């Protein structure tokens, strides 16, 4: 009776860029939200909406010293979570990609998954914080619902665009990444 020897390299799926890309996208999307909307434009803070009292979460008026202190604290907690997501994404990426790192950072696959992660951040954060919990809105005022909906639309566009971008790239195989043109990811 003959025994069959299988080449495990041919049947083992290459390391996926999906998880690290999504983690990086969630963290970077959160940082952009926090830096642009919380700090530079000062449109909102984590607990700055007046309509979140409906769920038992206290409103902290960012126009008072104590309210701004509490909102700054929770903005810091938010940024810590974003930092941990980026750190986690980099750690997973580093563990999965041991060769051809330059090609991976230039790949459509990684950047597509990063956009998917950013889109997921917008969708989850938008639905949860803006609509369900009501702890803040993108931009409070007479048109706040339109701002919140635009945030969700942006999330859907980022998710769809990232999905299409990563589908247009080549899969990454760390075993061939440093071997020349065949191992490159576009």
Protein backbone atom coordinates (compact mmCIF):
# COMPACT_ATOMS: atom_id res chain seq x y z
CA UNK A 1 0.00 0.00 0.00
CA UNK A 2 1.40 3.35 -1.00
CA UNK A 3 1.36 6.31 1.33
CA UNK A 4 0.62 9.76 0.02
CA UNK A 5 2.69 12.65 1.22
CA UNK A 6 0.98 16.04 1.06
CA UNK A 7 2.86 19.29 0.79
CA UNK A 8 1.42 21.29 3.67
CA UNK A 9 2.57 24.54 2.11
CA UNK A 10 0.17 24.05 -0.79
CA UNK A 11 -2.85 23.38 1.45
CA UNK A 12 -2.18 25.92 4.18
CA UNK A 13 -3.95 29.21 3.65
CA UNK A 14 -1.66 32.24 3.76
CA UNK A 15 -1.83 34.55 6.73
CA UNK A 16 -4.82 36.84 6.42
CA UNK A 17 -4.56 40.60 6.47
CA UNK A 18 -8.24 40.88 7.38
CA UNK A 19 -7.98 41.01 11.19
CA UNK A 20 -5.00 43.37 11.42
CA UNK A 21 -6.47 45.61 8.72
CA UNK A 22 -9.84 45.84 10.45
CA UNK A 23 -8.23 46.53 13.85
CA UNK A 24 -6.07 49.25 12.30
CA UNK A 25 -9.10 50.74 10.54
CA UNK A 26 -11.20 50.80 13.70
CA UNK A 27 -8.40 52.47 15.66
CA UNK A 28 -7.43 54.96 12.98
CA UNK A 29 -11.08 55.79 12.22
CA UNK A 30 -11.66 56.39 15.93
CA UNK A 31 -8.59 58.59 16.17
CA UNK A 32 -9.75 60.66 13.19
CA UNK A 33 -13.19 61.03 14.79
CA UNK A 34 -11.73 62.01 18.16
CA UNK A 35 -9.11 64.38 16.81
CA UNK A 36 -11.28 66.07 14.17
CA UNK A 37 -14.76 66.11 15.74
CA UNK A 38 -13.89 66.16 19.47
CA UNK A 39 -10.75 68.31 19.54
CA UNK A 40 -10.30 70.44 16.41
CA UNK A 41 -13.91 71.21 15.46
CA UNK A 42 -15.22 70.72 19.03
CA UNK A 43 -18.58 69.55 17.70
CA UNK A 44 -19.06 67.01 20.47
CA UNK A 45 -17.43 65.03 23.26
CA UNK A 46 -18.23 61.53 24.48
CA UNK A 47 -21.02 62.52 26.88
CA UNK A 48 -22.10 65.87 25.50
CA UNK A 49 -25.61 65.16 24.21
CA UNK A 50 -28.57 66.53 26.13
CA UNK A 51 -30.85 63.70 25.00
CA UNK A 52 -28.98 60.77 26.54
CA UNK A 53 -30.65 61.26 29.93
CA UNK A 54 -33.40 59.03 28.51
CA UNK A 55 -31.22 55.94 29.13
CA UNK A 56 -29.97 56.97 32.54
CA UNK A 57 -26.56 58.25 31.41
CA UNK A 58 -25.76 61.63 32.85
CA UNK A 59 -25.30 64.61 30.56
CA UNK A 60 -22.11 66.60 31.10
CA UNK A 61 -22.35 70.11 29.68
CA UNK A 62 -19.03 70.73 27.91
CA UNK A 63 -19.51 74.49 28.43
CA UNK A 64 -18.89 74.17 32.18
CA UNK A 65 -15.55 73.37 33.78
CA UNK A 66 -16.77 70.21 35.53
CA UNK A 67 -18.62 69.06 32.39
CA UNK A 68 -15.59 69.63 30.21
CA UNK A 69 -13.42 67.76 32.72
CA UNK A 70 -15.72 64.73 32.61
CA UNK A 71 -16.01 64.82 28.82
CA UNK A 72 -12.23 65.13 28.50
CA UNK A 73 -11.83 62.08 30.75
CA UNK A 74 -14.22 60.01 28.59
CA UNK A 75 -12.61 61.31 25.39
CA UNK A 76 -9.34 60.00 26.86
CA UNK A 77 -10.90 56.59 27.53
CA UNK A 78 -12.14 56.59 23.92
CA UNK A 79 -8.66 57.45 22.61
CA UNK A 80 -7.14 54.72 24.78
CA UNK A 81 -9.44 52.16 23.14
CA UNK A 82 -8.44 53.52 19.71
CA UNK A 83 -4.76 53.27 20.63
CA UNK A 84 -5.22 49.67 21.81
CA UNK A 85 -6.97 48.78 18.52
CA UNK A 86 -4.07 50.24 16.49
CA UNK A 87 -1.51 48.52 18.72
CA UNK A 88 -3.39 45.23 18.41
CA UNK A 89 -3.61 45.59 14.64
CA UNK A 90 0.11 46.27 14.37
CA UNK A 91 0.93 43.32 16.65
CA UNK A 92 -1.22 40.90 14.63
CA UNK A 93 0.20 42.25 11.37
CA UNK A 94 3.76 41.90 12.64
CA UNK A 95 3.10 38.33 13.81
CA UNK A 96 1.50 37.30 10.51
CA UNK A 97 3.83 39.03 8.09
CA UNK A 98 7.47 38.08 8.49
CA UNK A 99 8.69 38.83 4.95
CA UNK A 100 7.64 41.26 2.26
CA UNK A 101 6.44 43.89 4.72
CA UNK A 102 6.99 46.73 2.26
CA UNK A 103 4.73 45.03 -0.30
CA UNK A 104 2.07 44.44 2.35
CA UNK A 105 1.97 48.12 3.40
CA UNK A 106 1.56 49.06 -0.27
CA UNK A 107 -1.12 46.47 -0.92
CA UNK A 108 -4.73 47.03 -1.85
CA UNK A 109 -5.63 44.14 0.42
CA UNK A 110 -4.35 45.73 3.63
CA UNK A 111 -5.66 49.21 2.82
CA UNK A 112 -8.99 47.76 1.77
CA UNK A 113 -9.35 46.02 5.14
CA UNK A 114 -8.30 49.23 6.91
CA UNK A 115 -11.12 51.08 5.12
CA UNK A 116 -13.52 48.26 6.07
CA UNK A 117 -12.46 48.70 9.71
CA UNK A 118 -12.97 52.46 9.54
CA UNK A 119 -16.40 51.94 8.01
CA UNK A 120 -17.29 49.44 10.74
CA UNK A 121 -16.18 51.96 13.36
CA UNK A 122 -18.47 54.63 11.87
CA UNK A 123 -21.43 52.27 11.59
CA UNK A 124 -21.16 50.75 15.07
CA UNK A 125 -20.26 54.00 16.82
CA UNK A 126 -22.90 55.92 14.87
CA UNK A 127 -25.73 53.50 15.54
CA UNK A 128 -24.79 52.85 19.16
CA UNK A 129 -23.67 56.28 20.41
CA UNK A 130 -25.73 58.60 18.19
CA UNK A 131 -28.98 56.67 17.81
CA UNK A 132 -29.39 54.01 20.52
CA UNK A 133 -27.60 55.53 23.51
CA UNK A 134 -27.80 59.14 22.32
CA UNK A 135 -24.67 60.07 24.31
CA UNK A 136 -23.58 62.50 21.60
CA UNK A 137 -24.31 63.52 18.03
CA UNK A 138 -21.92 64.36 15.22
CA UNK A 139 -23.00 68.00 15.30
CA UNK A 140 -25.80 69.05 17.65
CA UNK A 141 -28.38 71.53 16.53
CA UNK A 142 -31.38 71.74 14.25
CA UNK A 143 -29.84 69.40 11.64
CA UNK A 144 -28.22 66.87 13.98
CA UNK A 145 -30.14 63.92 12.49
CA UNK A 146 -28.73 64.73 9.04
CA UNK A 147 -25.18 64.88 10.44
CA UNK A 148 -25.71 61.55 12.20
CA UNK A 149 -27.11 59.97 9.03
CA UNK A 150 -24.23 61.36 6.95
CA UNK A 151 -21.81 59.74 9.42
CA UNK A 152 -23.55 56.40 8.83
CA UNK A 153 -23.53 56.88 5.05
CA UNK A 154 -19.80 57.65 5.19
CA UNK A 155 -19.32 54.44 7.18
CA UNK A 156 -21.23 52.40 4.60
CA UNK A 157 -19.24 53.98 1.74
CA UNK A 158 -15.93 53.28 3.51
CA UNK A 159 -16.96 49.69 4.22
CA UNK A 160 -18.11 49.03 0.64
CA UNK A 161 -15.12 50.83 -0.89
CA UNK A 162 -12.70 48.97 1.35
CA UNK A 163 -14.35 45.65 0.53
CA UNK A 164 -14.02 46.35 -3.21
CA UNK A 165 -10.44 47.57 -2.84
CA UNK A 166 -9.28 44.48 -0.94
CA UNK A 167 -11.09 42.20 -3.44
CA UNK A 168 -9.08 43.82 -6.24
CA UNK A 169 -5.74 43.00 -4.62
CA UNK A 170 -3.84 39.75 -4.68
CA UNK A 171 -3.88 37.51 -1.64
CA UNK A 172 -0.78 37.65 0.48
CA UNK A 173 1.42 34.58 0.92
CA UNK A 174 4.29 35.26 3.33
CA UNK A 175 6.28 32.36 1.85
CA UNK A 176 6.53 34.07 -1.54
CA UNK A 177 6.42 37.73 -0.52
CA UNK A 178 10.17 38.23 -0.67
CA UNK A 179 10.61 36.06 -3.76
CA UNK A 180 10.01 38.73 -6.36
CA UNK A 181 7.12 39.76 -8.55
CA UNK A 182 4.95 36.64 -7.97
CA UNK A 183 4.80 37.26 -4.21
CA UNK A 184 3.85 40.93 -4.47
CA UNK A 185 0.47 42.15 -3.43
CA UNK A 186 -1.11 44.89 -5.44
